[in-house]
Amino acid sequence: DITDPIKLEVDQIYNMACPASPIHYQS
């Protein structure tokens, strides 16, 4: 869960984490 920090070695980050449907984010 990205609400908890994580340590990784990466070159790029794409942040796609989000409940993207009204059913999910409203719940």
mmCIF file of all heavy atoms, coordinates in Angstrom:
data_MODEL
# 
_entry.id   MODEL 
# 
loop_
_atom_site.group_PDB 
_atom_site.id 
_atom_site.type_symbol 
_atom_site.label_atom_id 
_atom_site.label_alt_id 
_atom_site.label_comp_id 
_atom_site.label_asym_id 
_atom_site.label_entity_id 
_atom_site.label_seq_id 
_atom_site.pdbx_PDB_ins_code 
_atom_site.Cartn_x 
_atom_site.Cartn_y 
_atom_site.Cartn_z 
_atom_site.occupancy 
_atom_site.B_iso_or_equiv 
_atom_site.pdbx_formal_charge 
_atom_site.auth_seq_id 
_atom_site.auth_comp_id 
_atom_site.auth_asym_id 
_atom_site.auth_atom_id 
_atom_site.pdbx_PDB_model_num 
ATOM 1   N N   . ASP A 1 1  ? 0.860   -1.187 0.000   1.00 0.00 ? 1  ASP A N   1 
ATOM 2   C CA  . ASP A 1 1  ? 0.000   0.000  0.000   1.00 0.00 ? 1  ASP A CA  1 
ATOM 3   C C   . ASP A 1 1  ? 0.894   1.235  0.000   1.00 0.00 ? 1  ASP A C   1 
ATOM 4   O O   . ASP A 1 1  ? 1.719   1.395  0.911   1.00 0.00 ? 1  ASP A O   1 
ATOM 5   C CB  . ASP A 1 1  ? -0.893  -0.018 1.247   1.00 0.00 ? 1  ASP A CB  1 
ATOM 6   C CG  . ASP A 1 1  ? -1.981  1.032  1.217   1.00 0.00 ? 1  ASP A CG  1 
ATOM 7   O OD1 . ASP A 1 1  ? -1.713  2.161  0.733   1.00 0.00 ? 1  ASP A OD1 1 
ATOM 8   O OD2 . ASP A 1 1  ? -3.082  0.734  1.679   1.00 0.00 ? 1  ASP A OD2 1 
ATOM 9   N N   . ILE A 1 2  ? 0.747   2.102  -0.990  1.00 0.00 ? 2  ILE A N   1 
ATOM 10  C CA  . ILE A 1 2  ? 1.657   3.253  -1.091  1.00 0.00 ? 2  ILE A CA  1 
ATOM 11  C C   . ILE A 1 2  ? 1.433   4.303  -0.010  1.00 0.00 ? 2  ILE A C   1 
ATOM 12  O O   . ILE A 1 2  ? 2.196   5.255  0.072   1.00 0.00 ? 2  ILE A O   1 
ATOM 13  C CB  . ILE A 1 2  ? 1.633   3.920  -2.487  1.00 0.00 ? 2  ILE A CB  1 
ATOM 14  C CG1 . ILE A 1 2  ? 0.296   4.569  -2.792  1.00 0.00 ? 2  ILE A CG1 1 
ATOM 15  C CG2 . ILE A 1 2  ? 2.058   2.958  -3.551  1.00 0.00 ? 2  ILE A CG2 1 
ATOM 16  C CD1 . ILE A 1 2  ? 0.344   5.496  -3.993  1.00 0.00 ? 2  ILE A CD1 1 
ATOM 17  N N   . THR A 1 3  ? 0.418   4.122  0.821   1.00 0.00 ? 3  THR A N   1 
ATOM 18  C CA  . THR A 1 3  ? 0.290   5.036  1.964   1.00 0.00 ? 3  THR A CA  1 
ATOM 19  C C   . THR A 1 3  ? 1.383   4.749  2.983   1.00 0.00 ? 3  THR A C   1 
ATOM 20  O O   . THR A 1 3  ? 1.628   5.564  3.868   1.00 0.00 ? 3  THR A O   1 
ATOM 21  C CB  . THR A 1 3  ? -1.100  4.958  2.627   1.00 0.00 ? 3  THR A CB  1 
ATOM 22  O OG1 . THR A 1 3  ? -1.314  3.646  3.141   1.00 0.00 ? 3  THR A OG1 1 
ATOM 23  C CG2 . THR A 1 3  ? -2.193  5.328  1.635   1.00 0.00 ? 3  THR A CG2 1 
ATOM 24  N N   . ASP A 1 4  ? 2.052   3.600  2.852   1.00 0.00 ? 4  ASP A N   1 
ATOM 25  C CA  . ASP A 1 4  ? 3.235   3.263  3.656   1.00 0.00 ? 4  ASP A CA  1 
ATOM 26  C C   . ASP A 1 4  ? 4.465   3.449  2.785   1.00 0.00 ? 4  ASP A C   1 
ATOM 27  O O   . ASP A 1 4  ? 4.481   2.988  1.633   1.00 0.00 ? 4  ASP A O   1 
ATOM 28  C CB  . ASP A 1 4  ? 3.164   1.808  4.141   1.00 0.00 ? 4  ASP A CB  1 
ATOM 29  C CG  . ASP A 1 4  ? 1.979   1.553  5.047   1.00 0.00 ? 4  ASP A CG  1 
ATOM 30  O OD1 . ASP A 1 4  ? 1.678   2.416  5.893   1.00 0.00 ? 4  ASP A OD1 1 
ATOM 31  O OD2 . ASP A 1 4  ? 1.352   0.481  4.910   1.00 0.00 ? 4  ASP A OD2 1 
ATOM 32  N N   . PRO A 1 5  ? 5.495   4.092  3.312   1.00 0.00 ? 5  PRO A N   1 
ATOM 33  C CA  . PRO A 1 5  ? 6.710   4.304  2.505   1.00 0.00 ? 5  PRO A CA  1 
ATOM 34  C C   . PRO A 1 5  ? 7.327   2.977  2.066   1.00 0.00 ? 5  PRO A C   1 
ATOM 35  O O   . PRO A 1 5  ? 7.153   1.941  2.718   1.00 0.00 ? 5  PRO A O   1 
ATOM 36  C CB  . PRO A 1 5  ? 7.652   5.042  3.460   1.00 0.00 ? 5  PRO A CB  1 
ATOM 37  C CG  . PRO A 1 5  ? 6.767   5.639  4.494   1.00 0.00 ? 5  PRO A CG  1 
ATOM 38  C CD  . PRO A 1 5  ? 5.602   4.701  4.637   1.00 0.00 ? 5  PRO A CD  1 
ATOM 39  N N   . ILE A 1 6  ? 8.043   3.021  0.967   1.00 0.00 ? 6  ILE A N   1 
ATOM 40  C CA  . ILE A 1 6  ? 8.777   1.857  0.477   1.00 0.00 ? 6  ILE A CA  1 
ATOM 41  C C   . ILE A 1 6  ? 10.083  2.359  -0.118  1.00 0.00 ? 6  ILE A C   1 
ATOM 42  O O   . ILE A 1 6  ? 10.144  3.451  -0.687  1.00 0.00 ? 6  ILE A O   1 
ATOM 43  C CB  . ILE A 1 6  ? 7.957   1.060  -0.570  1.00 0.00 ? 6  ILE A CB  1 
ATOM 44  C CG1 . ILE A 1 6  ? 8.643   -0.265 -0.887  1.00 0.00 ? 6  ILE A CG1 1 
ATOM 45  C CG2 . ILE A 1 6  ? 7.671   1.892  -1.804  1.00 0.00 ? 6  ILE A CG2 1 
ATOM 46  C CD1 . ILE A 1 6  ? 7.774   -1.253 -1.633  1.00 0.00 ? 6  ILE A CD1 1 
ATOM 47  N N   . LYS A 1 7  ? 11.132  1.570  0.068   1.00 0.00 ? 7  LYS A N   1 
ATOM 48  C CA  . LYS A 1 7  ? 12.441  1.934  -0.468  1.00 0.00 ? 7  LYS A CA  1 
ATOM 49  C C   . LYS A 1 7  ? 12.794  0.970  -1.587  1.00 0.00 ? 7  LYS A C   1 
ATOM 50  O O   . LYS A 1 7  ? 12.926  -0.226 -1.368  1.00 0.00 ? 7  LYS A O   1 
ATOM 51  C CB  . LYS A 1 7  ? 13.498  1.899  0.627   1.00 0.00 ? 7  LYS A CB  1 
ATOM 52  C CG  . LYS A 1 7  ? 13.302  2.986  1.654   1.00 0.00 ? 7  LYS A CG  1 
ATOM 53  C CD  . LYS A 1 7  ? 14.413  3.013  2.661   1.00 0.00 ? 7  LYS A CD  1 
ATOM 54  C CE  . LYS A 1 7  ? 14.165  4.143  3.648   1.00 0.00 ? 7  LYS A CE  1 
ATOM 55  N NZ  . LYS A 1 7  ? 15.195  4.197  4.679   1.00 0.00 ? 7  LYS A NZ  1 
ATOM 56  N N   . LEU A 1 8  ? 12.912  1.504  -2.772  1.00 0.00 ? 8  LEU A N   1 
ATOM 57  C CA  . LEU A 1 8  ? 13.278  0.744  -3.962  1.00 0.00 ? 8  LEU A CA  1 
ATOM 58  C C   . LEU A 1 8  ? 14.284  1.554  -4.763  1.00 0.00 ? 8  LEU A C   1 
ATOM 59  O O   . LEU A 1 8  ? 14.367  2.771  -4.616  1.00 0.00 ? 8  LEU A O   1 
ATOM 60  C CB  . LEU A 1 8  ? 12.043  0.475  -4.834  1.00 0.00 ? 8  LEU A CB  1 
ATOM 61  C CG  . LEU A 1 8  ? 10.920  -0.356 -4.225  1.00 0.00 ? 8  LEU A CG  1 
ATOM 62  C CD1 . LEU A 1 8  ? 9.672   -0.276 -5.090  1.00 0.00 ? 8  LEU A CD1 1 
ATOM 63  C CD2 . LEU A 1 8  ? 11.358  -1.798 -4.060  1.00 0.00 ? 8  LEU A CD2 1 
ATOM 64  N N   . GLU A 1 9  ? 15.000  0.881  -5.628  1.00 0.00 ? 9  GLU A N   1 
ATOM 65  C CA  . GLU A 1 9  ? 15.906  1.553  -6.555  1.00 0.00 ? 9  GLU A CA  1 
ATOM 66  C C   . GLU A 1 9  ? 15.276  1.469  -7.942  1.00 0.00 ? 9  GLU A C   1 
ATOM 67  O O   . GLU A 1 9  ? 15.176  0.382  -8.512  1.00 0.00 ? 9  GLU A O   1 
ATOM 68  C CB  . GLU A 1 9  ? 17.284  0.881  -6.556  1.00 0.00 ? 9  GLU A CB  1 
ATOM 69  C CG  . GLU A 1 9  ? 18.026  0.998  -5.244  1.00 0.00 ? 9  GLU A CG  1 
ATOM 70  C CD  . GLU A 1 9  ? 18.413  2.431  -4.904  1.00 0.00 ? 9  GLU A CD  1 
ATOM 71  O OE1 . GLU A 1 9  ? 18.775  3.187  -5.834  1.00 0.00 ? 9  GLU A OE1 1 
ATOM 72  O OE2 . GLU A 1 9  ? 18.341  2.786  -3.720  1.00 0.00 ? 9  GLU A OE2 1 
ATOM 73  N N   . VAL A 1 10 ? 14.827  2.594  -8.462  1.00 0.00 ? 10 VAL A N   1 
ATOM 74  C CA  . VAL A 1 10 ? 14.180  2.629  -9.768  1.00 0.00 ? 10 VAL A CA  1 
ATOM 75  C C   . VAL A 1 10 ? 14.634  3.857  -10.544 1.00 0.00 ? 10 VAL A C   1 
ATOM 76  O O   . VAL A 1 10 ? 15.143  4.815  -9.972  1.00 0.00 ? 10 VAL A O   1 
ATOM 77  C CB  . VAL A 1 10 ? 12.632  2.622  -9.639  1.00 0.00 ? 10 VAL A CB  1 
ATOM 78  C CG1 . VAL A 1 10 ? 12.151  1.317  -9.031  1.00 0.00 ? 10 VAL A CG1 1 
ATOM 79  C CG2 . VAL A 1 10 ? 12.124  3.800  -8.841  1.00 0.00 ? 10 VAL A CG2 1 
ATOM 80  N N   . ASP A 1 11 ? 14.409  3.800  -11.859 1.00 0.00 ? 11 ASP A N   1 
ATOM 81  C CA  . ASP A 1 11 ? 14.757  4.921  -12.731 1.00 0.00 ? 11 ASP A CA  1 
ATOM 82  C C   . ASP A 1 11 ? 13.554  5.812  -13.033 1.00 0.00 ? 11 ASP A C   1 
ATOM 83  O O   . ASP A 1 11 ? 13.712  6.993  -13.306 1.00 0.00 ? 11 ASP A O   1 
ATOM 84  C CB  . ASP A 1 11 ? 15.329  4.404  -14.054 1.00 0.00 ? 11 ASP A CB  1 
ATOM 85  C CG  . ASP A 1 11 ? 16.577  3.565  -13.840 1.00 0.00 ? 11 ASP A CG  1 
ATOM 86  O OD1 . ASP A 1 11 ? 17.508  4.052  -13.175 1.00 0.00 ? 11 ASP A OD1 1 
ATOM 87  O OD2 . ASP A 1 11 ? 16.607  2.412  -14.328 1.00 0.00 ? 11 ASP A OD2 1 
ATOM 88  N N   . GLN A 1 12 ? 12.371  5.204  -13.027 1.00 0.00 ? 12 GLN A N   1 
ATOM 89  C CA  . GLN A 1 12 ? 11.144  5.953  -13.321 1.00 0.00 ? 12 GLN A CA  1 
ATOM 90  C C   . GLN A 1 12 ? 10.021  5.450  -12.425 1.00 0.00 ? 12 GLN A C   1 
ATOM 91  O O   . GLN A 1 12 ? 10.026  4.288  -12.019 1.00 0.00 ? 12 GLN A O   1 
ATOM 92  C CB  . GLN A 1 12 ? 10.699  5.765  -14.777 1.00 0.00 ? 12 GLN A CB  1 
ATOM 93  C CG  . GLN A 1 12 ? 11.589  6.387  -15.791 1.00 0.00 ? 12 GLN A CG  1 
ATOM 94  C CD  . GLN A 1 12 ? 11.069  6.149  -17.213 1.00 0.00 ? 12 GLN A CD  1 
ATOM 95  O OE1 . GLN A 1 12 ? 10.080  5.468  -17.439 1.00 0.00 ? 12 GLN A OE1 1 
ATOM 96  N NE2 . GLN A 1 12 ? 11.767  6.725  -18.184 1.00 0.00 ? 12 GLN A NE2 1 
ATOM 97  N N   . ILE A 1 13 ? 9.066   6.340  -12.157 1.00 0.00 ? 13 ILE A N   1 
ATOM 98  C CA  . ILE A 1 13 ? 7.876   5.977  -11.372 1.00 0.00 ? 13 ILE A CA  1 
ATOM 99  C C   . ILE A 1 13 ? 6.644   6.471  -12.111 1.00 0.00 ? 13 ILE A C   1 
ATOM 100 O O   . ILE A 1 13 ? 6.579   7.625  -12.522 1.00 0.00 ? 13 ILE A O   1 
ATOM 101 C CB  . ILE A 1 13 ? 7.908   6.621  -9.968  1.00 0.00 ? 13 ILE A CB  1 
ATOM 102 C CG1 . ILE A 1 13 ? 9.154   6.191  -9.201  1.00 0.00 ? 13 ILE A CG1 1 
ATOM 103 C CG2 . ILE A 1 13 ? 6.639   6.278  -9.188  1.00 0.00 ? 13 ILE A CG2 1 
ATOM 104 C CD1 . ILE A 1 13 ? 9.394   6.979  -7.917  1.00 0.00 ? 13 ILE A CD1 1 
ATOM 105 N N   . TYR A 1 14 ? 5.688   5.559  -12.285 1.00 0.00 ? 14 TYR A N   1 
ATOM 106 C CA  . TYR A 1 14 ? 4.373   5.916  -12.795 1.00 0.00 ? 14 TYR A CA  1 
ATOM 107 C C   . TYR A 1 14 ? 3.391   5.655  -11.660 1.00 0.00 ? 14 TYR A C   1 
ATOM 108 O O   . TYR A 1 14 ? 3.205   4.502  -11.267 1.00 0.00 ? 14 TYR A O   1 
ATOM 109 C CB  . TYR A 1 14 ? 3.984   5.053  -14.006 1.00 0.00 ? 14 TYR A CB  1 
ATOM 110 C CG  . TYR A 1 14 ? 4.794   5.320  -15.241 1.00 0.00 ? 14 TYR A CG  1 
ATOM 111 C CD1 . TYR A 1 14 ? 6.033   4.725  -15.433 1.00 0.00 ? 14 TYR A CD1 1 
ATOM 112 C CD2 . TYR A 1 14 ? 4.306   6.162  -16.233 1.00 0.00 ? 14 TYR A CD2 1 
ATOM 113 C CE1 . TYR A 1 14 ? 6.775   4.962  -16.573 1.00 0.00 ? 14 TYR A CE1 1 
ATOM 114 C CE2 . TYR A 1 14 ? 5.037   6.406  -17.379 1.00 0.00 ? 14 TYR A CE2 1 
ATOM 115 C CZ  . TYR A 1 14 ? 6.276   5.805  -17.539 1.00 0.00 ? 14 TYR A CZ  1 
ATOM 116 O OH  . TYR A 1 14 ? 7.008   6.035  -18.681 1.00 0.00 ? 14 TYR A OH  1 
ATOM 117 N N   . ASN A 1 15 ? 2.789   6.709  -11.120 1.00 0.00 ? 15 ASN A N   1 
ATOM 118 C CA  . ASN A 1 15 ? 1.865   6.561  -9.998  1.00 0.00 ? 15 ASN A CA  1 
ATOM 119 C C   . ASN A 1 15 ? 0.436   6.446  -10.525 1.00 0.00 ? 15 ASN A C   1 
ATOM 120 O O   . ASN A 1 15 ? -0.202  7.436  -10.834 1.00 0.00 ? 15 ASN A O   1 
ATOM 121 C CB  . ASN A 1 15 ? 1.996   7.734  -9.026  1.00 0.00 ? 15 ASN A CB  1 
ATOM 122 C CG  . ASN A 1 15 ? 1.149   7.557  -7.797  1.00 0.00 ? 15 ASN A CG  1 
ATOM 123 O OD1 . ASN A 1 15 ? 0.695   6.462  -7.497  1.00 0.00 ? 15 ASN A OD1 1 
ATOM 124 N ND2 . ASN A 1 15 ? 0.934   8.635  -7.078  1.00 0.00 ? 15 ASN A ND2 1 
ATOM 125 N N   . MET A 1 16 ? -0.046  5.205  -10.607 1.00 0.00 ? 16 MET A N   1 
ATOM 126 C CA  . MET A 1 16 ? -1.391  4.931  -11.097 1.00 0.00 ? 16 MET A CA  1 
ATOM 127 C C   . MET A 1 16 ? -2.317  4.478  -9.968  1.00 0.00 ? 16 MET A C   1 
ATOM 128 O O   . MET A 1 16 ? -3.430  4.033  -10.216 1.00 0.00 ? 16 MET A O   1 
ATOM 129 C CB  . MET A 1 16 ? -1.341  3.822  -12.166 1.00 0.00 ? 16 MET A CB  1 
ATOM 130 C CG  . MET A 1 16 ? -0.304  4.034  -13.248 1.00 0.00 ? 16 MET A CG  1 
ATOM 131 S SD  . MET A 1 16 ? -0.565  5.504  -14.205 1.00 0.00 ? 16 MET A SD  1 
ATOM 132 C CE  . MET A 1 16 ? -1.847  4.953  -15.271 1.00 0.00 ? 16 MET A CE  1 
ATOM 133 N N   . ALA A 1 17 ? -1.840  4.545  -8.739  1.00 0.00 ? 17 ALA A N   1 
ATOM 134 C CA  . ALA A 1 17 ? -2.598  4.016  -7.607  1.00 0.00 ? 17 ALA A CA  1 
ATOM 135 C C   . ALA A 1 17 ? -3.702  4.981  -7.185  1.00 0.00 ? 17 ALA A C   1 
ATOM 136 O O   . ALA A 1 17 ? -3.430  6.081  -6.729  1.00 0.00 ? 17 ALA A O   1 
ATOM 137 C CB  . ALA A 1 17 ? -1.668  3.754  -6.422  1.00 0.00 ? 17 ALA A CB  1 
ATOM 138 N N   . CYS A 1 18 ? -4.924  4.552  -7.385  1.00 0.00 ? 18 CYS A N   1 
ATOM 139 C CA  . CYS A 1 18 ? -6.088  5.309  -6.926  1.00 0.00 ? 18 CYS A CA  1 
ATOM 140 C C   . CYS A 1 18 ? -7.350  4.529  -7.278  1.00 0.00 ? 18 CYS A C   1 
ATOM 141 O O   . CYS A 1 18 ? -7.463  4.047  -8.399  1.00 0.00 ? 18 CYS A O   1 
ATOM 142 C CB  . CYS A 1 18 ? -6.158  6.683  -7.584  1.00 0.00 ? 18 CYS A CB  1 
ATOM 143 S SG  . CYS A 1 18 ? -7.605  7.615  -7.055  1.00 0.00 ? 18 CYS A SG  1 
ATOM 144 N N   . PRO A 1 19 ? -8.268  4.396  -6.331  1.00 0.00 ? 19 PRO A N   1 
ATOM 145 C CA  . PRO A 1 19 ? -9.556  3.802  -6.697  1.00 0.00 ? 19 PRO A CA  1 
ATOM 146 C C   . PRO A 1 19 ? -10.235 4.736  -7.705  1.00 0.00 ? 19 PRO A C   1 
ATOM 147 O O   . PRO A 1 19 ? -10.691 5.814  -7.348  1.00 0.00 ? 19 PRO A O   1 
ATOM 148 C CB  . PRO A 1 19 ? -10.328 3.754  -5.382  1.00 0.00 ? 19 PRO A CB  1 
ATOM 149 C CG  . PRO A 1 19 ? -9.306  3.932  -4.309  1.00 0.00 ? 19 PRO A CG  1 
ATOM 150 C CD  . PRO A 1 19 ? -8.191  4.727  -4.925  1.00 0.00 ? 19 PRO A CD  1 
ATOM 151 N N   . ALA A 1 20 ? -10.265 4.338  -8.959  1.00 0.00 ? 20 ALA A N   1 
ATOM 152 C CA  . ALA A 1 20 ? -10.667 5.251  -10.030 1.00 0.00 ? 20 ALA A CA  1 
ATOM 153 C C   . ALA A 1 20 ? -12.148 5.192  -10.386 1.00 0.00 ? 20 ALA A C   1 
ATOM 154 O O   . ALA A 1 20 ? -12.573 5.831  -11.326 1.00 0.00 ? 20 ALA A O   1 
ATOM 155 C CB  . ALA A 1 20 ? -9.844  4.966  -11.274 1.00 0.00 ? 20 ALA A CB  1 
ATOM 156 N N   . SER A 1 21 ? -12.921 4.422  -9.655  1.00 0.00 ? 21 SER A N   1 
ATOM 157 C CA  . SER A 1 21 ? -14.344 4.297  -9.939  1.00 0.00 ? 21 SER A CA  1 
ATOM 158 C C   . SER A 1 21 ? -15.146 4.906  -8.793  1.00 0.00 ? 21 SER A C   1 
ATOM 159 O O   . SER A 1 21 ? -14.816 4.699  -7.630  1.00 0.00 ? 21 SER A O   1 
ATOM 160 C CB  . SER A 1 21 ? -14.696 2.813  -10.076 1.00 0.00 ? 21 SER A CB  1 
ATOM 161 O OG  . SER A 1 21 ? -16.067 2.597  -9.862  1.00 0.00 ? 21 SER A OG  1 
ATOM 162 N N   . PRO A 1 22 ? -16.190 5.655  -9.096  1.00 0.00 ? 22 PRO A N   1 
ATOM 163 C CA  . PRO A 1 22 ? -17.004 6.245  -8.014  1.00 0.00 ? 22 PRO A CA  1 
ATOM 164 C C   . PRO A 1 22 ? -17.483 5.206  -6.996  1.00 0.00 ? 22 PRO A C   1 
ATOM 165 O O   . PRO A 1 22 ? -17.528 5.487  -5.801  1.00 0.00 ? 22 PRO A O   1 
ATOM 166 C CB  . PRO A 1 22 ? -18.187 6.872  -8.756  1.00 0.00 ? 22 PRO A CB  1 
ATOM 167 C CG  . PRO A 1 22 ? -17.648 7.175  -10.112 1.00 0.00 ? 22 PRO A CG  1 
ATOM 168 C CD  . PRO A 1 22 ? -16.671 6.070  -10.414 1.00 0.00 ? 22 PRO A CD  1 
ATOM 169 N N   . ILE A 1 23 ? -17.788 4.010  -7.452  1.00 0.00 ? 23 ILE A N   1 
ATOM 170 C CA  . ILE A 1 23 ? -18.219 2.961  -6.518  1.00 0.00 ? 23 ILE A CA  1 
ATOM 171 C C   . ILE A 1 23 ? -17.130 2.690  -5.490  1.00 0.00 ? 23 ILE A C   1 
ATOM 172 O O   . ILE A 1 23 ? -17.412 2.546  -4.307  1.00 0.00 ? 23 ILE A O   1 
ATOM 173 C CB  . ILE A 1 23 ? -18.565 1.664  -7.286  1.00 0.00 ? 23 ILE A CB  1 
ATOM 174 C CG1 . ILE A 1 23 ? -19.819 1.892  -8.136  1.00 0.00 ? 23 ILE A CG1 1 
ATOM 175 C CG2 . ILE A 1 23 ? -18.746 0.491  -6.343  1.00 0.00 ? 23 ILE A CG2 1 
ATOM 176 C CD1 . ILE A 1 23 ? -20.093 0.778  -9.122  1.00 0.00 ? 23 ILE A CD1 1 
ATOM 177 N N   . HIS A 1 24 ? -15.875 2.650  -5.937  1.00 0.00 ? 24 HIS A N   1 
ATOM 178 C CA  . HIS A 1 24 ? -14.766 2.352  -5.035  1.00 0.00 ? 24 HIS A CA  1 
ATOM 179 C C   . HIS A 1 24 ? -14.371 3.549  -4.177  1.00 0.00 ? 24 HIS A C   1 
ATOM 180 O O   . HIS A 1 24 ? -14.177 3.418  -2.980  1.00 0.00 ? 24 HIS A O   1 
ATOM 181 C CB  . HIS A 1 24 ? -13.549 1.851  -5.819  1.00 0.00 ? 24 HIS A CB  1 
ATOM 182 C CG  . HIS A 1 24 ? -13.758 0.504  -6.397  1.00 0.00 ? 24 HIS A CG  1 
ATOM 183 N ND1 . HIS A 1 24 ? -13.860 0.290  -7.749  1.00 0.00 ? 24 HIS A ND1 1 
ATOM 184 C CD2 . HIS A 1 24 ? -13.926 -0.704 -5.824  1.00 0.00 ? 24 HIS A CD2 1 
ATOM 185 C CE1 . HIS A 1 24 ? -14.063 -0.983 -7.979  1.00 0.00 ? 24 HIS A CE1 1 
ATOM 186 N NE2 . HIS A 1 24 ? -14.107 -1.617 -6.830  1.00 0.00 ? 24 HIS A NE2 1 
ATOM 187 N N   . TYR A 1 25 ? -14.232 4.719  -4.787  1.00 0.00 ? 25 TYR A N   1 
ATOM 188 C CA  . TYR A 1 25 ? -13.741 5.822  -3.965  1.00 0.00 ? 25 TYR A CA  1 
ATOM 189 C C   . TYR A 1 25 ? -14.809 6.400  -3.067  1.00 0.00 ? 25 TYR A C   1 
ATOM 190 O O   . TYR A 1 25 ? -14.515 6.974  -2.031  1.00 0.00 ? 25 TYR A O   1 
ATOM 191 C CB  . TYR A 1 25 ? -12.990 6.894  -4.756  1.00 0.00 ? 25 TYR A CB  1 
ATOM 192 C CG  . TYR A 1 25 ? -13.732 7.674  -5.809  1.00 0.00 ? 25 TYR A CG  1 
ATOM 193 C CD1 . TYR A 1 25 ? -14.680 8.616  -5.473  1.00 0.00 ? 25 TYR A CD1 1 
ATOM 194 C CD2 . TYR A 1 25 ? -13.427 7.497  -7.151  1.00 0.00 ? 25 TYR A CD2 1 
ATOM 195 C CE1 . TYR A 1 25 ? -15.329 9.354  -6.448  1.00 0.00 ? 25 TYR A CE1 1 
ATOM 196 C CE2 . TYR A 1 25 ? -14.070 8.235  -8.128  1.00 0.00 ? 25 TYR A CE2 1 
ATOM 197 C CZ  . TYR A 1 25 ? -15.024 9.159  -7.770  1.00 0.00 ? 25 TYR A CZ  1 
ATOM 198 O OH  . TYR A 1 25 ? -15.661 9.886  -8.728  1.00 0.00 ? 25 TYR A OH  1 
ATOM 199 N N   . GLN A 1 26 ? -16.067 6.235  -3.392  1.00 0.00 ? 26 GLN A N   1 
ATOM 200 C CA  . GLN A 1 26 ? -17.119 6.700  -2.493  1.00 0.00 ? 26 GLN A CA  1 
ATOM 201 C C   . GLN A 1 26 ? -17.348 5.734  -1.340  1.00 0.00 ? 26 GLN A C   1 
ATOM 202 O O   . GLN A 1 26 ? -17.804 6.138  -0.273  1.00 0.00 ? 26 GLN A O   1 
ATOM 203 C CB  . GLN A 1 26 ? -18.421 6.926  -3.267  1.00 0.00 ? 26 GLN A CB  1 
ATOM 204 C CG  . GLN A 1 26 ? -18.340 8.124  -4.184  1.00 0.00 ? 26 GLN A CG  1 
ATOM 205 C CD  . GLN A 1 26 ? -19.580 8.280  -5.058  1.00 0.00 ? 26 GLN A CD  1 
ATOM 206 O OE1 . GLN A 1 26 ? -20.436 7.411  -5.101  1.00 0.00 ? 26 GLN A OE1 1 
ATOM 207 N NE2 . GLN A 1 26 ? -19.653 9.396  -5.759  1.00 0.00 ? 26 GLN A NE2 1 
ATOM 208 N N   . SER A 1 27 ? -17.014 4.464  -1.523  1.00 0.00 ? 27 SER A N   1 
ATOM 209 C CA  . SER A 1 27 ? -17.214 3.494  -0.454  1.00 0.00 ? 27 SER A CA  1 
ATOM 210 C C   . SER A 1 27 ? -16.216 3.688  0.683   1.00 0.00 ? 27 SER A C   1 
ATOM 211 O O   . SER A 1 27 ? -16.479 3.312  1.812   1.00 0.00 ? 27 SER A O   1 
ATOM 212 C CB  . SER A 1 27 ? -17.121 2.062  -0.982  1.00 0.00 ? 27 SER A CB  1 
ATOM 213 O OG  . SER A 1 27 ? -15.792 1.764  -1.344  1.00 0.00 ? 27 SER A OG  1 
# 
